[in-house]
Amino acid sequence: ISGYSLVIQARDSGTPPLSSSVTVNVDISDVNDNSPVFTPANYTAVIQENKPVGTSILQLVVTDKDSFHNGPPFTFTILTGNEEEEFTLDPHGVLRSAVIFKHMVATEYVLCVQVKDSGKPQQVSHTYVQVRVIEESIHKPTAIPLEIFIVTMEDDFPGGVIGKIHATDQDVYDVLTYTLKSEQKSLFKVNSHDGKIIALGGLDNGKYVLNVSVSDGRFQVPIDVVVHVEQLLQEMLQNTVTIRFENVSPEDFVGLHMHGFRRTLRNAVLSQKQDSLHIISIQPVAGSNQLDMLFAVQMHNGGFYKPAYLIQKLTNARRHLENVIRISAILEKNCSGLDCQEQHCEQSLSIDSHSLMTYSTARISFVCPRFYRNVRCMC
């Protein structure tokens, strides 16, 4: 307990008795009676040979139960094992290389490290750090090409994570880092540690080819990343048709079925080769294992086919479409849950362009806005 707040009352013996109160704050001063503690108690680390001087090897983690003025900042010292000064230890507890290590010269070092807190008198703890020198990287990283599709309302893309690069390396101890060429950083960013790709707000319609690379510290490998941005027109929402799939997750649909189904769907509903198929959004149906896909078809002259026409085309081609993926329903009007006379209802769709859903796999990522379906009876 760091302190107490007491209210003290004094009362005299007169008639009537009179009294007065005062507040007394009692602060408990901390005594430096706790030693700093390493977590974990001892460390093991590796460094590849031929790494440049100053390479980070290990971050020491220290805590202290005393109050802040008896704890950090901590003072770190290497007591033994560094007689040839192969290592340095900075004030933040980061162990770095001070030489270029060679596996043939030495394969292991054991350091005894001391930490002191800032109290008076100072408290001290020790830890042992085992550092192994391993052979330098011999395998190049491998990365899977990534294609990203972004669907957004006109000039209203808010930005966010749009996908993730999947890369591996056969060298067990290699740490992979990801970089993006500087001229593209005004539109995109890549997390250097995990390969997540972030798009900044306001992307224009079109195709972007990103100059991304992955490095293990020795080898650098380029990665093919292509981003397609499609901006929706308000007219599309008035001419959408929903295909509802059975027993499929959004990620499985994107990774396994989307390309094939898009091709089959084009053959089924497009009247002319110049017509354009637009997948507007995909979204799980709440409380089920079903998935809704919204699409519209634009004629080569700029207009859109009416939903009734598309549904007729889909109905005729349904058996062929189900060779790719099982279809639960084809919806233009959805009166489910409404007691509408003769099932007549009016449906409208609204898009929340600032609530993006990202369905990402190793090879393909699909980013689309969340949609809401509003239905009312037309009885």
Protein backbone atom coordinates (compact mmCIF):
# COMPACT_ATOMS: atom_id res chain seq x y z
CA ILE A 1 0.00 0.00 0.00
CA SER A 2 1.57 3.24 -1.15
CA GLY A 3 -0.35 5.58 1.16
CA TYR A 4 -3.24 6.26 3.57
CA SER A 5 -5.67 9.16 3.82
CA LEU A 6 -6.98 9.64 7.39
CA VAL A 7 -9.76 11.95 8.59
CA ILE A 8 -9.14 12.90 12.28
CA GLN A 9 -11.74 14.63 14.42
CA ALA A 10 -11.16 16.53 17.65
CA ARG A 11 -14.19 17.14 19.97
CA ASP A 12 -14.22 19.20 23.16
CA SER A 13 -16.15 18.56 26.42
CA GLY A 14 -18.38 21.64 26.33
CA THR A 15 -22.16 21.78 26.07
CA PRO A 16 -22.93 21.37 23.27
CA PRO A 17 -19.64 19.71 22.26
CA LEU A 18 -17.90 21.35 19.30
CA SER A 19 -15.66 19.53 16.87
CA SER A 20 -13.34 20.04 13.94
CA SER A 21 -11.81 17.63 11.41
CA VAL A 22 -8.56 17.50 9.51
CA THR A 23 -7.29 15.20 6.74
CA VAL A 24 -3.88 13.58 7.21
CA ASN A 25 -2.21 11.97 4.20
CA VAL A 26 0.45 9.39 5.03
CA ASP A 27 2.76 8.40 2.16
CA ILE A 28 4.70 5.13 2.49
CA SER A 29 8.20 5.57 1.10
CA ASP A 30 9.57 2.69 -0.93
CA VAL A 31 12.74 0.97 0.26
CA ASN A 32 14.89 -0.66 -2.40
CA ASP A 33 14.41 -4.18 -1.07
CA ASN A 34 13.71 -6.00 -4.38
CA SER A 35 16.40 -7.07 -6.82
CA PRO A 36 15.81 -6.65 -10.54
CA VAL A 37 14.66 -9.91 -12.14
CA PHE A 38 15.61 -11.31 -15.56
CA THR A 39 12.84 -12.97 -17.59
CA PRO A 40 13.66 -15.73 -18.36
CA ALA A 41 16.29 -16.48 -15.72
CA ASN A 42 18.86 -17.49 -18.36
CA TYR A 43 19.04 -16.99 -22.12
CA THR A 44 20.08 -18.81 -25.27
CA ALA A 45 20.57 -17.08 -28.63
CA VAL A 46 22.08 -17.68 -32.04
CA ILE A 47 23.94 -15.50 -34.54
CA GLN A 48 24.89 -16.45 -38.08
CA GLU A 49 28.51 -16.10 -39.08
CA ASN A 50 29.49 -13.17 -41.32
CA LYS A 51 26.73 -10.94 -39.95
CA PRO A 52 27.85 -7.28 -39.84
CA VAL A 53 29.13 -5.63 -36.68
CA GLY A 54 26.24 -4.25 -34.64
CA THR A 55 23.81 -7.08 -35.44
CA SER A 56 21.19 -7.44 -32.70
CA ILE A 57 21.45 -10.84 -31.01
CA LEU A 58 19.17 -10.65 -27.98
CA GLN A 59 16.94 -8.32 -25.97
CA LEU A 60 17.30 -8.78 -22.20
CA VAL A 61 14.07 -8.25 -20.26
CA VAL A 62 14.27 -7.01 -16.65
CA THR A 63 11.52 -6.13 -14.16
CA ASP A 64 11.65 -4.70 -10.62
CA LYS A 65 8.90 -4.79 -7.97
CA ASP A 66 10.13 -1.59 -6.32
CA SER A 67 8.70 1.82 -7.20
CA PHE A 68 9.97 3.56 -10.32
CA HIS A 69 12.79 5.52 -8.63
CA ASN A 70 14.22 2.27 -7.21
CA GLY A 71 13.87 0.36 -10.48
CA PRO A 72 14.83 1.55 -13.96
CA PRO A 73 16.89 2.80 -15.64
CA PHE A 74 18.97 -0.33 -15.28
CA THR A 75 22.71 -0.64 -15.76
CA PHE A 76 23.92 -3.71 -17.68
CA THR A 77 27.45 -5.10 -17.55
CA ILE A 78 29.06 -8.19 -19.10
CA LEU A 79 31.13 -9.65 -16.25
CA THR A 80 32.69 -12.71 -17.89
CA GLY A 81 32.84 -14.40 -21.29
CA ASN A 82 33.62 -11.22 -23.24
CA GLU A 83 37.35 -11.03 -22.68
CA GLU A 84 38.02 -10.54 -26.40
CA GLU A 85 35.21 -7.93 -26.59
CA GLU A 86 33.16 -9.80 -29.18
CA PHE A 87 29.92 -8.38 -27.75
CA THR A 88 28.46 -5.06 -26.66
CA LEU A 89 25.47 -4.46 -24.40
CA ASP A 90 23.62 -1.15 -24.73
CA PRO A 91 21.75 0.69 -21.92
CA HIS A 92 18.44 -0.83 -23.09
CA GLY A 93 19.67 -4.39 -22.62
CA VAL A 94 20.22 -5.21 -26.31
CA LEU A 95 23.14 -7.59 -26.89
CA ARG A 96 24.92 -6.88 -30.19
CA SER A 97 27.89 -8.25 -32.10
CA ALA A 98 31.15 -6.28 -31.93
CA VAL A 99 33.02 -8.51 -34.42
CA ILE A 100 32.19 -10.58 -37.49
CA PHE A 101 31.84 -14.11 -36.13
CA LYS A 102 33.26 -17.18 -37.87
CA HIS A 103 31.81 -20.62 -37.22
CA MET A 104 35.23 -22.23 -37.70
CA VAL A 105 36.80 -20.03 -34.99
CA ALA A 106 34.26 -20.60 -32.20
CA THR A 107 30.79 -22.13 -32.08
CA GLU A 108 29.64 -21.05 -28.62
CA TYR A 109 30.06 -18.26 -26.07
CA VAL A 110 28.76 -18.11 -22.50
CA LEU A 111 28.36 -14.64 -20.99
CA CYS A 112 27.62 -13.70 -17.40
CA VAL A 113 25.59 -10.48 -17.39
CA GLN A 114 24.92 -8.26 -14.39
CA VAL A 115 22.09 -5.76 -13.99
CA LYS A 116 21.87 -3.01 -11.34
CA ASP A 117 18.78 -0.97 -10.50
CA SER A 118 18.69 2.77 -9.70
CA GLY A 119 17.97 2.46 -5.97
CA LYS A 120 20.16 3.34 -3.01
CA PRO A 121 21.77 1.05 -2.16
CA GLN A 122 21.63 -0.63 -5.57
CA GLN A 123 20.30 -4.16 -5.95
CA VAL A 124 22.02 -6.56 -8.35
CA SER A 125 21.05 -9.68 -10.31
CA HIS A 126 22.86 -11.95 -12.75
CA THR A 127 21.98 -14.07 -15.75
CA TYR A 128 23.86 -16.34 -18.11
CA VAL A 129 23.58 -15.94 -21.89
CA GLN A 130 24.58 -18.79 -24.19
CA VAL A 131 25.28 -17.57 -27.74
CA ARG A 132 25.71 -20.12 -30.55
CA VAL A 133 27.47 -19.20 -33.79
CA ILE A 134 25.85 -20.98 -36.73
CA GLU A 135 26.76 -21.18 -40.40
CA GLU A 136 25.49 -18.39 -42.62
CA SER A 137 22.33 -18.73 -44.64
CA ILE A 138 22.66 -21.07 -47.63
CA HIS A 139 19.04 -21.11 -48.84
CA LYS A 140 17.19 -18.26 -50.51
CA PRO A 141 13.75 -17.39 -49.15
CA THR A 142 10.80 -18.53 -51.22
CA ALA A 143 7.60 -16.50 -51.52
CA ILE A 144 4.21 -17.13 -53.10
CA PRO A 145 2.98 -14.54 -55.64
CA LEU A 146 -0.01 -12.62 -54.31
CA GLU A 147 -2.97 -11.15 -56.20
CA ILE A 148 -5.25 -8.74 -54.35
CA PHE A 149 -8.71 -7.58 -55.44
CA ILE A 150 -10.17 -4.48 -53.77
CA VAL A 151 -13.79 -3.45 -54.28
CA THR A 152 -14.75 -0.03 -52.96
CA MET A 153 -17.29 2.71 -53.49
CA GLU A 154 -16.29 5.65 -55.68
CA ASP A 155 -13.31 7.52 -54.17
CA ASP A 156 -14.22 6.24 -50.72
CA PHE A 157 -11.56 3.64 -49.88
CA PRO A 158 -10.58 4.10 -46.20
CA GLY A 159 -7.39 2.02 -46.32
CA GLY A 160 -6.31 -0.92 -44.16
CA VAL A 161 -4.69 -4.36 -44.29
CA ILE A 162 -5.41 -5.90 -47.69
CA GLY A 163 -3.34 -9.09 -47.61
CA LYS A 164 -0.26 -10.89 -46.36
CA ILE A 165 2.81 -12.20 -48.13
CA HIS A 166 3.60 -15.84 -47.34
CA ALA A 167 7.34 -16.57 -47.42
CA THR A 168 9.49 -19.38 -46.01
CA ASP A 169 13.17 -20.21 -45.67
CA GLN A 170 14.83 -23.60 -45.22
CA ASP A 171 17.48 -22.09 -42.95
CA VAL A 172 16.01 -22.67 -39.50
CA TYR A 173 17.29 -19.51 -37.83
CA ASP A 174 16.79 -17.07 -40.69
CA VAL A 175 14.68 -14.01 -39.86
CA LEU A 176 12.81 -12.71 -42.89
CA THR A 177 12.22 -9.02 -43.52
CA TYR A 178 9.99 -7.44 -46.15
CA THR A 179 10.58 -4.19 -48.02
CA LEU A 180 8.68 -2.06 -50.52
CA LYS A 181 10.39 0.26 -53.01
CA SER A 182 10.19 3.82 -51.74
CA GLU A 183 8.37 5.30 -54.74
CA GLN A 184 5.26 3.22 -53.88
CA LYS A 185 5.13 4.12 -50.19
CA SER A 186 2.73 6.98 -50.82
CA LEU A 187 0.01 4.42 -51.62
CA PHE A 188 1.03 1.20 -49.86
CA LYS A 189 3.06 -0.03 -46.92
CA VAL A 190 4.50 -3.44 -46.07
CA ASN A 191 5.07 -4.53 -42.48
CA SER A 192 8.76 -5.41 -42.43
CA HIS A 193 8.31 -8.21 -39.87
CA ASP A 194 5.21 -10.17 -40.94
CA GLY A 195 4.66 -9.22 -44.59
CA LYS A 196 1.21 -7.66 -44.14
CA ILE A 197 0.34 -5.27 -46.94
CA ILE A 198 -1.43 -2.04 -45.97
CA ALA A 199 -3.14 0.22 -48.48
CA LEU A 200 -3.52 3.87 -47.65
CA GLY A 201 -6.81 5.67 -48.19
CA GLY A 202 -8.08 7.07 -51.48
CA LEU A 203 -6.85 4.46 -53.99
CA ASP A 204 -7.92 5.15 -57.56
CA ASN A 205 -9.46 2.60 -59.89
CA GLY A 206 -6.88 0.48 -61.69
CA LYS A 207 -4.04 -2.03 -61.43
CA TYR A 208 -0.98 -1.62 -59.20
CA VAL A 209 2.16 -3.78 -59.42
CA LEU A 210 4.07 -3.59 -56.14
CA ASN A 211 7.84 -3.88 -56.01
CA VAL A 212 8.15 -6.02 -52.86
CA SER A 213 11.12 -8.15 -51.79
CA VAL A 214 11.90 -10.52 -48.92
CA SER A 215 15.37 -10.89 -47.41
CA ASP A 216 16.97 -13.30 -44.97
CA GLY A 217 19.91 -10.95 -44.41
CA ARG A 218 22.00 -12.51 -47.17
CA PHE A 219 19.67 -13.20 -50.07
CA GLN A 220 16.99 -10.86 -51.35
CA VAL A 221 14.15 -12.25 -53.47
CA PRO A 222 11.49 -10.26 -55.37
CA ILE A 223 7.81 -11.10 -54.87
CA ASP A 224 5.06 -10.62 -57.44
CA VAL A 225 2.26 -8.63 -55.80
CA VAL A 226 -0.53 -7.26 -58.02
CA VAL A 227 -3.38 -5.13 -56.64
CA HIS A 228 -6.61 -4.62 -58.63
CA VAL A 229 -8.85 -1.77 -57.45
CA GLU A 230 -12.45 -1.60 -58.69
CA GLN A 231 -14.70 1.29 -57.75
CA LEU A 232 -18.43 0.56 -57.54
CA LEU A 233 -21.08 2.71 -59.15
CA GLN A 234 -24.27 3.46 -57.22
CA GLU A 235 -26.27 2.07 -60.16
CA MET A 236 -24.69 -1.36 -59.59
CA LEU A 237 -26.44 -1.72 -56.23
CA GLN A 238 -29.84 -1.34 -57.89
CA ASN A 239 -29.11 -4.20 -60.31
CA THR A 240 -27.46 -6.77 -58.07
CA VAL A 241 -28.26 -10.44 -57.81
CA THR A 242 -27.24 -12.59 -54.84
CA ILE A 243 -26.00 -16.16 -55.17
CA ARG A 244 -26.05 -18.00 -51.87
CA PHE A 245 -23.57 -20.86 -51.48
CA GLU A 246 -23.83 -23.80 -49.10
CA ASN A 247 -21.10 -25.03 -46.72
CA VAL A 248 -18.25 -22.74 -47.75
CA SER A 249 -16.19 -20.19 -45.83
CA PRO A 250 -15.21 -16.85 -47.41
CA GLU A 251 -11.52 -17.84 -47.38
CA ASP A 252 -12.22 -21.18 -49.11
CA PHE A 253 -14.38 -19.47 -51.70
CA VAL A 254 -11.68 -16.87 -52.42
CA GLY A 255 -8.80 -19.33 -52.43
CA LEU A 256 -10.40 -22.35 -54.09
CA HIS A 257 -13.47 -21.35 -56.07
CA MET A 258 -13.57 -17.67 -57.00
CA HIS A 259 -11.52 -17.77 -60.20
CA GLY A 260 -13.28 -20.87 -61.51
CA PHE A 261 -16.74 -19.70 -60.54
CA ARG A 262 -16.18 -16.25 -62.03
CA ARG A 263 -15.21 -17.85 -65.34
CA THR A 264 -18.22 -20.18 -65.33
CA LEU A 265 -20.53 -17.35 -64.29
CA ARG A 266 -19.29 -15.15 -67.14
CA ASN A 267 -20.09 -17.89 -69.63
CA ALA A 268 -23.56 -18.30 -68.12
CA VAL A 269 -24.78 -14.69 -67.91
CA LEU A 270 -22.78 -12.53 -70.33
CA SER A 271 -24.60 -11.93 -73.60
CA GLN A 272 -21.59 -10.33 -75.32
CA LYS A 273 -17.86 -10.60 -74.72
CA GLN A 274 -17.66 -6.85 -74.11
CA ASP A 275 -20.03 -7.10 -71.11
CA SER A 276 -18.39 -6.86 -67.66
CA LEU A 277 -19.05 -9.01 -64.60
CA HIS A 278 -18.61 -7.17 -61.28
CA ILE A 279 -18.38 -9.11 -57.99
CA ILE A 280 -19.47 -6.48 -55.48
CA SER A 281 -19.09 -8.28 -52.16
CA ILE A 282 -19.03 -11.64 -50.43
CA GLN A 283 -20.30 -12.02 -46.89
CA PRO A 284 -21.19 -14.91 -44.54
CA VAL A 285 -24.87 -15.32 -43.70
CA ALA A 286 -25.23 -14.75 -39.95
CA GLY A 287 -25.94 -17.87 -37.92
CA SER A 288 -25.27 -20.31 -40.77
CA ASN A 289 -22.52 -21.87 -42.87
CA GLN A 290 -23.79 -20.13 -46.00
CA LEU A 291 -22.11 -17.39 -48.01
CA ASP A 292 -23.68 -14.62 -50.10
CA MET A 293 -22.01 -13.26 -53.21
CA LEU A 294 -23.35 -10.05 -54.77
CA PHE A 295 -22.72 -9.37 -58.44
CA ALA A 296 -23.94 -7.20 -61.29
CA VAL A 297 -23.36 -7.28 -65.05
CA GLN A 298 -22.57 -4.13 -66.98
CA MET A 299 -23.34 -3.90 -70.70
CA HIS A 300 -20.65 -2.69 -73.07
CA ASN A 301 -22.63 0.54 -73.59
CA GLY A 302 -22.49 1.34 -69.87
CA GLY A 303 -25.92 0.24 -68.64
CA PHE A 304 -26.69 -2.74 -66.41
CA TYR A 305 -28.73 -5.89 -67.01
CA LYS A 306 -31.85 -6.08 -64.85
CA PRO A 307 -31.85 -8.65 -62.02
CA ALA A 308 -34.83 -10.55 -63.49
CA TYR A 309 -32.90 -11.14 -66.72
CA LEU A 310 -29.80 -12.34 -64.82
CA ILE A 311 -31.85 -14.65 -62.60
CA GLN A 312 -33.38 -16.27 -65.66
CA LYS A 313 -29.90 -16.84 -67.08
CA LEU A 314 -28.68 -18.24 -63.76
CA THR A 315 -31.65 -20.56 -63.39
CA ASN A 316 -31.01 -22.04 -66.80
CA ALA A 317 -27.30 -22.54 -66.04
CA ARG A 318 -27.63 -23.59 -62.39
CA ARG A 319 -26.68 -27.21 -62.93
CA HIS A 320 -23.56 -26.14 -64.81
CA LEU A 321 -22.64 -23.64 -62.07
CA GLU A 322 -23.00 -26.28 -59.38
CA ASN A 323 -20.23 -28.30 -61.03
CA VAL A 324 -17.94 -25.69 -59.44
CA ILE A 325 -19.62 -25.08 -56.05
CA ARG A 326 -22.95 -25.97 -54.44
CA ILE A 327 -25.57 -23.21 -54.66
CA SER A 328 -28.20 -22.87 -51.95
CA ALA A 329 -30.33 -20.14 -53.55
CA ILE A 330 -30.41 -17.40 -56.18
CA LEU A 331 -31.91 -14.28 -54.62
CA GLU A 332 -33.28 -11.09 -56.01
CA LYS A 333 -35.99 -10.65 -53.41
CA ASN A 334 -35.54 -12.23 -50.01
CA CYS A 335 -38.73 -12.37 -47.94
CA SER A 336 -37.26 -14.79 -45.45
CA GLY A 337 -38.65 -14.06 -42.00
CA LEU A 338 -41.34 -11.69 -43.31
CA ASP A 339 -45.00 -12.66 -43.49
CA CYS A 340 -45.60 -11.10 -46.89
CA GLN A 341 -48.74 -11.87 -48.89
CA GLU A 342 -47.75 -14.06 -51.88
CA GLN A 343 -44.16 -13.43 -50.87
CA HIS A 344 -44.11 -9.96 -52.44
CA CYS A 345 -41.41 -7.80 -50.93
CA GLU A 346 -39.09 -4.98 -51.88
CA GLN A 347 -35.40 -5.30 -51.23
CA SER A 348 -32.77 -2.60 -51.06
CA LEU A 349 -29.04 -2.93 -50.48
CA SER A 350 -26.80 -0.52 -48.65
CA ILE A 351 -23.01 -0.59 -48.65
CA ASP A 352 -20.85 0.45 -45.71
CA SER A 353 -17.73 1.49 -47.57
CA HIS A 354 -15.84 2.20 -44.33
CA SER A 355 -16.37 -1.32 -42.98
CA LEU A 356 -14.10 -3.48 -45.10
CA MET A 357 -13.87 -7.26 -44.97
CA THR A 358 -10.56 -8.84 -46.00
CA TYR A 359 -10.51 -12.52 -46.97
CA SER A 360 -6.89 -13.50 -47.45
CA THR A 361 -5.18 -16.71 -48.52
CA ALA A 362 -1.58 -17.41 -49.49
CA ARG A 363 -2.16 -16.63 -53.19
CA ILE A 364 -5.21 -14.39 -53.38
CA SER A 365 -6.88 -11.76 -51.22
CA PHE A 366 -10.32 -10.20 -51.67
CA VAL A 367 -11.23 -6.93 -49.96
CA CYS A 368 -14.84 -5.74 -50.15
CA PRO A 369 -17.27 -3.51 -48.25
CA ARG A 370 -19.84 -4.87 -45.82
CA PHE A 371 -23.40 -4.79 -47.13
CA TYR A 372 -26.81 -4.73 -45.49
CA ARG A 373 -30.03 -6.04 -46.99
CA ASN A 374 -33.24 -4.21 -46.13
CA VAL A 375 -36.52 -5.90 -46.96
CA ARG A 376 -40.13 -4.71 -46.53
CA CYS A 377 -43.48 -6.20 -47.51
CA MET A 378 -45.26 -4.88 -50.60
CA CYS A 379 -48.62 -6.36 -49.60
